Amino acid sequence: MNAHSQPFADESAPLIGFESREKTSSGVIETCRIAPELWDGYISQFENAAQEQMYVFTRRRWPNVQCEPNLFYINGALIGGAMIMVQSIPGGLGKIAVAKWGPMLVEANAPDAALTYGKIVEALIAEYADKRKMMISILPKVSPLPVNMALEHLRERGFVDGSQLEFPNRYLVNLRLSDEEQRKSFAQKWRYHLNKSLKNDLKFEVADASRLPEFDELYQAMNDRKKFADHSAYETISDLMQLEDETLRPALFFVRKGARIVAGAIVYKVGNTAVYLYGATNKEALPLRAGYFIHWEIIRWLRDNTKADLYDLGGTDGFQGLHQFKKGMVGTKGFIEPVAPVMNYASSLRARLVGDFAYFLRDQLNWLRGRIEKLRLDMASPDQKRK
């Protein structure tokens, strides 16, 4: 029997790979911390799964944090999970507990999802804020709804707004439309360019992980050509593509003109929101309008081959051209909503001061890096105005 085949059915049964297990004071919810190596096996069970909650991603992206995967049960049934990254503050001042795009829920759209979310948050507060005296930082996942349930709950519970992205908007395409409905949703100019691309004899391919080197070459060549500052987590892709469970691996797509690859994309496809992770094109792609073609085909493939309801195109990093392209694709049936600020909670004044000081230093360093990059003549500079 593997570690997650029968969660908590037998109080006396050995829990292979489980590091700790305890009940909250309410006696309703059970928290079980498991070995990080087992964590990703649970990800596909969460409707609002996120790449940033995966151990294979976290260990490469933030190698200096301590990963603590937590599972939450009620009456033996799994209800949610949260990968907590415990970050030590330089100088031994303390630690911060961070959940990026967590907690995740098994049934994110259930009528009692807000109640379930609240119970998990209480368990995290009890462990990390009250017991271990850390500031808890939760970054809620973007929501297509005008009211973000997770964000509102955290504010009501006493979490306070912290750092936020300079350009926080995310662009969400509605995947549950027919081809005709999707075309009508696109902005008129976007639809015009798509129609042009469909006349260029382009071929769409779904590739396996063995072809990642082809995408690497395309991606690096594009960055060299466009001079973008790449602060992404691209270094994590090789590990993600090597996962044994195919359902957890990102999807890899290419567009070909004749024998030559002109565009490619990597898309996270677990849970109810697929995420556009990386895209790349060569010089031929622009006149062929290959960017329009590949996204059109990805939208259709995700609709027909995954459970995702939304296709998250990511942000713009401050580039007006990306804003116009993504806004046109979102169209009238999709959503443009901001990523919430980091929400911070501390049970003690010391934890609050230590956490606030750490975030202040990080934000100042990021600001300085951004100013330096804007002064460099060899790099593309953001040109989107912040509203």
Protein backbone atom coordinates (compact mmCIF):
# COMPACT_ATOMS: atom_id res chain seq x y z
CA MET A 1 0.00 0.00 0.00
CA ASN A 2 1.42 3.42 -0.88
CA ALA A 3 1.40 6.37 1.49
CA HIS A 4 -1.78 7.94 0.21
CA SER A 5 -4.02 5.03 -0.72
CA GLN A 6 -6.01 4.94 2.56
CA PRO A 7 -5.64 8.20 4.48
CA PHE A 8 -6.40 7.87 8.19
CA ALA A 9 -8.85 5.00 7.92
CA ASP A 10 -7.06 3.18 10.76
CA GLU A 11 -5.68 5.17 13.70
CA SER A 12 -3.17 2.43 14.48
CA ALA A 13 -1.93 1.89 10.92
CA PRO A 14 1.63 2.94 10.11
CA LEU A 15 1.83 6.11 8.03
CA ILE A 16 4.66 5.48 5.61
CA GLY A 17 6.45 8.70 4.72
CA PHE A 18 4.35 10.83 7.06
CA GLU A 19 6.45 13.05 9.30
CA SER A 20 3.81 14.27 11.73
CA ARG A 21 0.11 14.16 12.36
CA GLU A 22 -2.11 16.04 14.76
CA LYS A 23 -5.65 17.28 15.32
CA THR A 24 -6.52 20.92 15.80
CA SER A 25 -8.13 21.99 19.04
CA SER A 26 -11.52 21.92 17.32
CA GLY A 27 -11.16 18.18 16.80
CA VAL A 28 -12.67 18.57 13.33
CA ILE A 29 -9.69 18.82 11.01
CA GLU A 30 -6.58 16.64 10.97
CA THR A 31 -3.27 17.97 9.71
CA CYS A 32 -0.67 15.57 8.40
CA ARG A 33 2.79 16.68 7.28
CA ILE A 34 4.36 14.33 4.76
CA ALA A 35 7.81 13.85 3.31
CA PRO A 36 8.35 16.36 0.46
CA GLU A 37 9.23 13.55 -1.96
CA LEU A 38 5.68 12.18 -1.64
CA TRP A 39 3.89 15.48 -2.01
CA ASP A 40 3.56 15.80 -5.78
CA GLY A 41 1.66 12.51 -5.89
CA TYR A 42 -1.28 14.35 -4.32
CA ILE A 43 -1.31 17.43 -6.56
CA SER A 44 -3.73 16.09 -9.16
CA GLN A 45 -6.37 15.56 -6.43
CA PHE A 46 -6.73 19.31 -5.87
CA GLU A 47 -9.10 21.19 -8.18
CA ASN A 48 -7.19 24.46 -7.77
CA ALA A 49 -3.74 22.90 -8.07
CA ALA A 50 -0.85 25.23 -8.85
CA GLN A 51 2.64 24.68 -10.19
CA GLU A 52 4.05 26.84 -7.40
CA GLN A 53 2.71 24.34 -4.87
CA MET A 54 4.68 21.44 -6.35
CA TYR A 55 7.81 20.19 -4.60
CA VAL A 56 9.63 19.46 -7.85
CA PHE A 57 9.16 23.14 -8.72
CA THR A 58 9.90 24.58 -5.29
CA ARG A 59 13.11 22.69 -4.63
CA ARG A 60 14.68 24.10 -7.80
CA ARG A 61 13.16 27.58 -7.72
CA TRP A 62 13.88 28.25 -4.04
CA PRO A 63 16.57 25.76 -3.00
CA ASN A 64 17.25 27.44 0.35
CA VAL A 65 13.74 27.14 1.80
CA GLN A 66 12.49 24.30 3.98
CA CYS A 67 9.52 22.61 2.30
CA GLU A 68 6.72 21.42 4.58
CA PRO A 69 3.83 19.77 2.68
CA ASN A 70 0.64 19.61 4.77
CA LEU A 71 -2.44 17.51 4.06
CA PHE A 72 -5.79 18.25 5.71
CA TYR A 73 -8.51 15.70 6.46
CA ILE A 74 -11.99 15.70 7.94
CA ASN A 75 -13.36 12.34 9.10
CA GLY A 76 -10.63 10.57 7.15
CA ALA A 77 -11.39 12.33 3.85
CA LEU A 78 -8.80 14.52 2.18
CA ILE A 79 -10.10 18.09 1.84
CA GLY A 80 -7.02 20.13 0.97
CA GLY A 81 -3.31 20.68 1.10
CA ALA A 82 -0.66 23.38 1.35
CA MET A 83 3.04 23.38 0.58
CA ILE A 84 4.52 25.72 3.16
CA MET A 85 7.94 27.17 2.42
CA VAL A 86 9.74 28.08 5.62
CA GLN A 87 12.19 30.88 4.85
CA SER A 88 14.91 31.80 7.33
CA ILE A 89 15.62 35.51 7.75
CA PRO A 90 19.33 36.45 7.46
CA GLY A 91 21.02 37.11 10.78
CA GLY A 92 18.96 34.53 12.62
CA LEU A 93 16.15 37.02 13.22
CA GLY A 94 13.42 34.46 12.63
CA LYS A 95 11.47 32.64 9.94
CA ILE A 96 8.51 33.23 7.62
CA ALA A 97 6.00 30.57 6.53
CA VAL A 98 4.93 31.13 2.90
CA ALA A 99 2.13 29.50 0.92
CA LYS A 100 2.23 30.65 -2.69
CA TRP A 101 -1.12 30.01 -4.40
CA GLY A 102 -2.25 27.78 -1.59
CA PRO A 103 -3.98 26.31 0.28
CA MET A 104 -5.42 24.04 -2.40
CA LEU A 105 -8.81 22.35 -2.08
CA VAL A 106 -10.00 18.97 -3.31
CA GLU A 107 -13.35 20.58 -4.20
CA ALA A 108 -12.59 24.22 -4.92
CA ASN A 109 -16.06 24.93 -6.34
CA ALA A 110 -18.12 23.11 -3.72
CA PRO A 111 -20.86 25.10 -1.93
CA ASP A 112 -18.92 24.84 1.33
CA ALA A 113 -15.51 25.68 -0.21
CA ALA A 114 -15.19 28.91 1.77
CA LEU A 115 -15.86 27.05 5.03
CA THR A 116 -13.30 24.38 4.15
CA TYR A 117 -10.75 27.01 3.20
CA GLY A 118 -11.31 28.76 6.52
CA LYS A 119 -10.71 25.58 8.50
CA ILE A 120 -7.41 24.99 6.71
CA VAL A 121 -6.30 28.56 7.34
CA GLU A 122 -7.09 28.11 11.04
CA ALA A 123 -4.93 24.99 11.13
CA LEU A 124 -2.05 26.90 9.51
CA ILE A 125 -2.40 29.76 11.98
CA ALA A 126 -2.37 27.36 14.90
CA GLU A 127 0.81 25.64 13.70
CA TYR A 128 2.92 28.39 12.19
CA ALA A 129 1.77 31.62 13.86
CA ASP A 130 0.67 30.53 17.33
CA LYS A 131 2.88 27.51 17.98
CA ARG A 132 6.03 28.31 16.00
CA LYS A 133 5.83 32.11 16.20
CA MET A 134 6.29 32.84 12.48
CA MET A 135 4.63 35.33 10.21
CA ILE A 136 2.39 33.47 7.74
CA SER A 137 2.35 34.82 4.19
CA ILE A 138 -0.37 33.48 1.87
CA LEU A 139 -0.63 34.49 -1.78
CA PRO A 140 -4.17 33.56 -2.88
CA LYS A 141 -4.62 32.19 -6.37
CA VAL A 142 -6.14 34.55 -8.92
CA SER A 143 -9.92 34.26 -9.20
CA PRO A 144 -12.11 34.89 -12.27
CA LEU A 145 -14.77 36.30 -9.96
CA PRO A 146 -14.95 39.98 -8.96
CA VAL A 147 -14.78 38.85 -5.32
CA ASN A 148 -11.84 36.59 -4.52
CA MET A 149 -13.14 34.24 -1.82
CA ALA A 150 -9.71 33.43 -0.41
CA LEU A 151 -8.60 37.06 -0.31
CA GLU A 152 -11.78 38.21 1.43
CA HIS A 153 -11.55 35.44 4.01
CA LEU A 154 -7.94 36.25 4.84
CA ARG A 155 -8.74 39.93 5.32
CA GLU A 156 -11.67 39.10 7.56
CA ARG A 157 -9.45 36.77 9.60
CA GLY A 158 -6.91 39.52 10.30
CA PHE A 159 -4.37 39.05 7.52
CA VAL A 160 -3.06 42.36 6.21
CA ASP A 161 -2.13 43.34 2.66
CA GLY A 162 1.56 43.10 1.89
CA SER A 163 3.61 43.28 -1.31
CA GLN A 164 1.89 43.31 -4.68
CA LEU A 165 3.14 43.02 -8.24
CA GLU A 166 3.64 46.30 -10.12
CA PHE A 167 1.49 44.93 -12.95
CA PRO A 168 -0.79 42.44 -11.15
CA ASN A 169 -3.38 41.64 -13.84
CA ARG A 170 -3.71 38.07 -15.09
CA TYR A 171 -5.51 37.24 -18.31
CA LEU A 172 -7.92 34.28 -18.18
CA VAL A 173 -9.45 32.67 -21.26
CA ASN A 174 -12.75 30.81 -20.86
CA LEU A 175 -12.12 27.25 -22.10
CA ARG A 176 -15.70 26.02 -21.94
CA LEU A 177 -16.84 27.52 -25.23
CA SER A 178 -17.46 26.01 -28.63
CA ASP A 179 -15.16 27.02 -31.48
CA GLU A 180 -17.80 29.42 -32.75
CA GLU A 181 -18.36 30.96 -29.31
CA GLN A 182 -14.62 31.32 -28.76
CA ARG A 183 -14.10 33.07 -32.06
CA LYS A 184 -16.91 35.50 -31.29
CA SER A 185 -15.34 36.19 -27.88
CA PHE A 186 -11.99 37.26 -29.35
CA ALA A 187 -11.48 40.96 -30.01
CA GLN A 188 -12.09 41.87 -33.66
CA LYS A 189 -8.39 42.57 -34.36
CA TRP A 190 -7.31 39.33 -32.65
CA ARG A 191 -9.82 37.37 -34.69
CA TYR A 192 -8.55 39.07 -37.88
CA HIS A 193 -4.96 37.98 -37.20
CA LEU A 194 -6.10 34.46 -36.32
CA ASN A 195 -7.95 34.15 -39.63
CA LYS A 196 -4.81 35.27 -41.45
CA SER A 197 -2.72 32.66 -39.60
CA LEU A 198 -5.10 29.88 -40.59
CA LYS A 199 -4.28 30.53 -44.25
CA ASN A 200 -0.52 30.08 -43.77
CA ASP A 201 -0.43 26.26 -43.82
CA LEU A 202 0.84 26.00 -40.26
CA LYS A 203 0.86 22.67 -38.43
CA PHE A 204 0.15 22.23 -34.71
CA GLU A 205 1.98 19.48 -32.82
CA VAL A 206 1.61 18.01 -29.34
CA ALA A 207 5.11 16.88 -28.38
CA ASP A 208 6.49 14.59 -25.69
CA ALA A 209 9.12 15.46 -23.09
CA SER A 210 11.98 14.15 -25.23
CA ARG A 211 11.61 17.18 -27.47
CA LEU A 212 12.26 19.74 -24.74
CA PRO A 213 15.76 20.54 -26.18
CA GLU A 214 14.04 21.85 -29.32
CA PHE A 215 12.03 24.26 -27.20
CA ASP A 216 15.13 25.24 -25.20
CA GLU A 217 16.88 26.29 -28.38
CA LEU A 218 13.90 28.29 -29.58
CA TYR A 219 13.41 29.95 -26.18
CA GLN A 220 17.04 31.02 -25.74
CA ALA A 221 17.23 32.36 -29.27
CA MET A 222 14.07 34.43 -28.71
CA ASN A 223 15.38 35.93 -25.46
CA ASP A 224 18.66 36.84 -27.15
CA ARG A 225 16.73 38.49 -29.98
CA LYS A 226 14.14 40.39 -27.93
CA LYS A 227 16.45 41.32 -25.04
CA PHE A 228 13.91 40.53 -22.32
CA ALA A 229 15.07 40.38 -18.70
CA ASP A 230 14.28 36.78 -17.77
CA HIS A 231 13.48 36.47 -14.05
CA SER A 232 11.27 33.44 -14.61
CA ALA A 233 11.61 29.96 -13.19
CA TYR A 234 12.61 28.44 -16.52
CA GLU A 235 15.29 26.37 -14.80
CA THR A 236 12.51 24.27 -13.23
CA ILE A 237 11.11 23.04 -16.55
CA SER A 238 13.56 20.19 -17.05
CA ASP A 239 12.59 18.67 -13.68
CA LEU A 240 8.87 19.11 -14.34
CA MET A 241 9.15 17.43 -17.72
CA GLN A 242 10.91 14.44 -16.17
CA LEU A 243 8.08 13.59 -13.76
CA GLU A 244 7.05 9.95 -14.07
CA ASP A 245 3.35 10.79 -13.81
CA GLU A 246 2.37 12.13 -17.24
CA THR A 247 -0.67 13.92 -15.81
CA LEU A 248 1.64 16.16 -13.76
CA ARG A 249 4.01 17.02 -16.60
CA PRO A 250 3.39 20.28 -18.47
CA ALA A 251 2.17 19.98 -22.05
CA LEU A 252 4.62 20.85 -24.83
CA PHE A 253 3.37 22.26 -28.12
CA PHE A 254 5.01 23.31 -31.39
CA VAL A 255 3.92 25.05 -34.57
CA ARG A 256 5.67 24.09 -37.75
CA LYS A 257 5.87 25.78 -41.15
CA GLY A 258 7.00 23.07 -43.49
CA ALA A 259 10.01 21.39 -41.91
CA ARG A 260 10.86 24.31 -39.63
CA ILE A 261 9.56 24.93 -36.08
CA VAL A 262 8.48 28.58 -35.79
CA ALA A 263 6.76 28.64 -32.37
CA GLY A 264 6.43 26.62 -29.19
CA ALA A 265 4.68 26.72 -25.82
CA ILE A 266 4.76 24.97 -22.45
CA VAL A 267 1.48 24.83 -20.50
CA TYR A 268 0.71 23.62 -16.97
CA LYS A 269 -2.48 21.54 -17.21
CA VAL A 270 -3.33 20.19 -13.73
CA GLY A 271 -6.52 21.31 -12.00
CA ASN A 272 -9.25 23.71 -13.06
CA THR A 273 -6.89 26.36 -14.43
CA ALA A 274 -4.30 25.65 -17.12
CA VAL A 275 -1.38 28.08 -17.10
CA TYR A 276 0.71 29.34 -20.00
CA LEU A 277 4.22 28.98 -18.60
CA TYR A 278 6.54 29.74 -21.50
CA GLY A 279 6.32 30.57 -25.16
CA ALA A 280 8.92 31.04 -27.85
CA THR A 281 8.99 32.09 -31.49
CA ASN A 282 11.58 32.66 -34.18
CA LYS A 283 11.83 35.51 -36.68
CA GLU A 284 9.47 33.81 -39.11
CA ALA A 285 6.62 33.63 -36.59
CA LEU A 286 5.54 37.28 -36.73
CA PRO A 287 4.59 37.53 -40.43
CA LEU A 288 3.02 34.07 -40.21
CA ARG A 289 1.04 35.18 -37.13
CA ALA A 290 2.09 31.93 -35.48
CA GLY A 291 1.43 33.33 -31.99
CA TYR A 292 -2.29 33.59 -32.75
CA PHE A 293 -2.37 30.15 -34.32
CA ILE A 294 -0.64 28.32 -31.47
CA HIS A 295 -2.86 29.82 -28.78
CA TRP A 296 -6.00 29.04 -30.77
CA GLU A 297 -4.95 25.41 -31.04
CA ILE A 298 -3.89 25.25 -27.36
CA ILE A 299 -7.29 26.59 -26.27
CA ARG A 300 -9.04 23.89 -28.26
CA TRP A 301 -6.68 21.14 -27.05
CA LEU A 302 -7.11 22.12 -23.38
CA ARG A 303 -10.88 22.22 -23.76
CA ASP A 304 -10.98 18.73 -25.28
CA ASN A 305 -8.23 17.00 -23.27
CA THR A 306 -8.24 18.46 -19.75
CA LYS A 307 -10.64 19.37 -16.95
CA ALA A 308 -9.52 22.99 -16.95
CA ASP A 309 -12.17 25.68 -17.19
CA LEU A 310 -9.71 28.55 -17.60
CA TYR A 311 -6.48 29.20 -19.48
CA ASP A 312 -4.31 31.61 -17.50
CA LEU A 313 -2.09 33.56 -19.90
CA GLY A 314 -0.04 35.10 -17.11
CA GLY A 315 0.81 38.77 -16.82
CA THR A 316 2.57 41.34 -19.00
CA ASP A 317 5.68 42.34 -17.02
CA GLY A 318 4.79 45.87 -18.03
CA PHE A 319 4.84 45.45 -21.83
CA GLN A 320 1.96 47.12 -23.65
CA GLY A 321 2.19 44.78 -26.64
CA LEU A 322 1.61 41.75 -24.41
CA HIS A 323 -1.33 43.50 -22.78
CA GLN A 324 -3.02 44.14 -26.12
CA PHE A 325 -2.38 40.59 -27.38
CA LYS A 326 -3.67 38.90 -24.21
CA LYS A 327 -6.60 41.25 -23.76
CA GLY A 328 -7.74 40.47 -27.30
CA MET A 329 -7.51 36.74 -26.67
CA VAL A 330 -9.44 36.96 -23.38
CA GLY A 331 -12.18 38.74 -25.29
CA THR A 332 -15.73 39.17 -24.05
CA LYS A 333 -16.12 35.76 -22.39
CA GLY A 334 -12.88 35.69 -20.42
CA PHE A 335 -11.61 37.59 -17.41
CA ILE A 336 -8.88 40.07 -16.52
CA GLU A 337 -8.35 40.01 -12.77
CA PRO A 338 -5.42 41.01 -10.54
CA VAL A 339 -3.26 38.68 -8.52
CA ALA A 340 -3.96 39.44 -4.87
CA PRO A 341 -1.29 41.00 -2.70
CA VAL A 342 0.65 38.77 -0.34
CA MET A 343 -1.49 38.44 2.79
CA ASN A 344 0.42 38.42 6.08
CA TYR A 345 -0.56 37.29 9.57
CA ALA A 346 1.40 37.21 12.83
CA SER A 347 0.32 36.32 16.36
CA SER A 348 3.11 38.32 17.98
CA LEU A 349 4.59 41.78 17.49
CA ARG A 350 8.08 40.37 17.04
CA ALA A 351 7.00 38.03 14.25
CA ARG A 352 5.21 40.95 12.58
CA LEU A 353 8.27 43.22 12.75
CA VAL A 354 10.65 40.54 11.52
CA GLY A 355 8.39 39.64 8.62
CA ASP A 356 7.72 43.22 7.60
CA PHE A 357 11.45 43.99 7.70
CA ALA A 358 12.25 41.00 5.48
CA TYR A 359 9.66 41.98 2.89
CA PHE A 360 10.82 45.60 2.95
CA LEU A 361 14.37 44.53 2.11
CA ARG A 362 13.19 42.20 -0.66
CA ASP A 363 10.96 44.84 -2.22
CA GLN A 364 13.73 47.43 -2.16
CA LEU A 365 16.13 45.04 -3.88
CA ASN A 366 13.54 44.23 -6.54
CA TRP A 367 12.87 47.94 -7.07
CA LEU A 368 16.59 48.64 -7.47
CA ARG A 369 16.99 45.79 -9.93
CA GLY A 370 14.09 47.11 -11.98
CA ARG A 371 15.52 50.63 -12.12
CA ILE A 372 18.90 49.32 -13.24
CA GLU A 373 17.32 47.22 -15.98
CA LYS A 374 15.42 50.23 -17.30
CA LEU A 375 18.72 52.09 -17.71
CA ARG A 376 20.36 49.31 -19.70
CA LEU A 377 20.34 49.98 -23.43
CA ASP A 378 20.81 46.30 -24.30
CA MET A 379 17.50 45.22 -22.72
CA ALA A 380 13.85 45.75 -23.58
CA SER A 381 12.18 48.24 -21.24
CA PRO A 382 8.56 47.96 -19.99
CA ASP A 383 6.26 50.52 -21.61
CA GLN A 384 2.86 49.76 -20.08
CA LYS A 385 1.35 52.40 -17.86
CA ARG A 386 0.18 51.25 -14.48
CA LYS A 387 -3.45 52.12 -13.81
